[in-house]
């Protein structure tokens, strides 16, 4: 349903609902660590942020990666993407285009 392209200082996602590419710029010193796609979401993790794209809302939603936070695992399936770090679990819901987080009590 969509394709994800990373080029120099921006990331572009395409969705059949939006009929055009939706880009998000990368900041100074920001680099892409990893990316995944599923049927309705795209997930890009950089050294500074987690970027979630919803093909339903046709927009990017961003959450910050904290200093010292290390990515342990990422997954994307259907309408959902997740990022597991040493500090917290992040979930991106493609239907709403929103991030949720759960901070681990014990590290």
Protein backbone atom coordinates (compact mmCIF):
# COMPACT_ATOMS: atom_id res chain seq x y z
CA UNK A 1 0.00 0.00 0.00
CA UNK A 2 2.93 2.31 0.49
CA UNK A 3 6.63 2.51 -0.15
CA UNK A 4 9.33 4.11 1.95
CA UNK A 5 12.36 5.94 0.58
CA UNK A 6 15.27 7.40 2.56
CA UNK A 7 17.32 9.94 0.62
CA UNK A 8 20.05 12.18 2.06
CA UNK A 9 18.27 14.36 4.63
CA UNK A 10 14.67 13.28 4.20
CA UNK A 11 12.40 10.26 4.30
CA UNK A 12 9.44 9.90 1.93
CA UNK A 13 6.45 7.59 2.30
CA UNK A 14 3.87 6.93 -0.40
CA UNK A 15 0.33 5.84 0.30
CA UNK A 16 -2.54 4.97 -2.02
CA UNK A 17 -4.90 7.07 0.10
CA UNK A 18 -2.88 10.27 -0.14
CA UNK A 19 -1.95 10.03 -3.84
CA UNK A 20 1.36 11.80 -3.20
CA UNK A 21 4.60 11.39 -1.31
CA UNK A 22 4.74 12.71 2.25
CA UNK A 23 8.22 13.71 3.33
CA UNK A 24 9.80 14.41 6.69
CA UNK A 25 13.15 16.12 6.95
CA UNK A 26 16.00 14.81 9.04
CA UNK A 27 17.75 17.15 11.48
CA UNK A 28 21.42 18.08 11.57
CA UNK A 29 23.51 15.10 12.74
CA UNK A 30 20.44 12.82 12.48
CA UNK A 31 20.99 9.49 10.77
CA UNK A 32 18.64 6.60 10.02
CA UNK A 33 19.39 3.56 12.19
CA UNK A 34 16.74 1.21 10.76
CA UNK A 35 13.36 1.16 9.02
CA UNK A 36 10.45 -1.25 8.55
CA UNK A 37 7.19 -1.27 6.65
CA UNK A 38 3.94 -3.18 7.05
CA UNK A 39 0.65 -3.07 5.19
CA UNK A 40 -0.53 0.25 6.72
CA UNK A 41 2.46 1.72 8.59
CA UNK A 42 6.09 2.63 8.07
CA UNK A 43 8.60 2.96 10.89
CA UNK A 44 11.92 4.80 10.74
CA UNK A 45 14.22 4.98 13.75
CA UNK A 46 17.03 7.51 13.77
CA UNK A 47 19.63 8.30 16.40
CA UNK A 48 17.30 11.10 17.61
CA UNK A 49 13.68 10.13 16.89
CA UNK A 50 11.21 7.40 16.02
CA UNK A 51 9.11 8.33 12.99
CA UNK A 52 5.80 6.60 12.35
CA UNK A 53 3.87 6.95 9.09
CA UNK A 54 0.20 6.06 8.83
CA UNK A 55 -1.20 5.38 5.38
CA UNK A 56 -4.67 6.08 6.84
CA UNK A 57 -3.94 9.59 8.14
CA UNK A 58 -1.27 10.06 5.43
CA UNK A 59 1.09 11.78 7.87
CA UNK A 60 4.24 11.29 9.90
CA UNK A 61 4.14 11.34 13.71
CA UNK A 62 7.34 11.71 15.72
CA UNK A 63 8.54 10.79 19.19
CA UNK A 64 11.97 11.65 20.60
CA UNK A 65 14.64 9.06 21.37
CA UNK A 66 16.26 10.01 24.70
CA UNK A 67 20.00 10.43 25.20
CA UNK A 68 21.43 7.03 26.13
CA UNK A 69 18.39 5.18 24.84
CA UNK A 70 19.35 2.09 22.86
CA UNK A 71 17.09 0.35 20.36
CA UNK A 72 16.75 -3.35 21.20
CA UNK A 73 14.05 -4.45 18.75
CA UNK A 74 11.60 -3.12 16.15
CA UNK A 75 8.53 -4.67 14.55
CA UNK A 76 5.81 -3.63 12.11
CA UNK A 77 2.68 -5.62 11.26
CA UNK A 78 -0.60 -4.50 9.77
CA UNK A 79 -1.68 -1.28 11.47
CA UNK A 80 0.91 -1.32 14.29
CA UNK A 81 4.64 -0.74 14.75
CA UNK A 82 6.69 -1.06 17.92
CA UNK A 83 10.12 -0.08 19.18
CA UNK A 84 11.67 -1.70 22.25
CA UNK A 85 14.48 0.23 23.94
CA UNK A 86 16.45 -0.15 27.14
CA UNK A 87 14.17 2.52 28.75
CA UNK A 88 10.69 1.93 27.33
CA UNK A 89 8.35 0.27 24.86
CA UNK A 90 6.91 2.48 22.10
CA UNK A 91 3.86 1.60 20.06
CA UNK A 92 2.64 3.35 16.93
CA UNK A 93 -1.01 2.90 15.93
CA UNK A 94 -1.59 3.37 12.23
CA UNK A 95 -5.34 3.87 12.55
CA UNK A 96 -4.90 7.00 14.71
CA UNK A 97 -1.36 7.89 13.62
CA UNK A 98 -0.28 8.23 17.26
CA UNK A 99 2.54 7.03 19.52
CA UNK A 100 1.99 5.44 22.96
CA UNK A 101 4.74 4.65 25.44
CA UNK A 102 5.34 2.48 28.46
CA UNK A 103 8.39 3.31 30.60
CA UNK A 104 10.00 0.31 32.20
CA UNK A 105 10.02 0.50 36.00
CA UNK A 106 13.22 -1.48 36.38
CA UNK A 107 16.22 -1.03 34.10
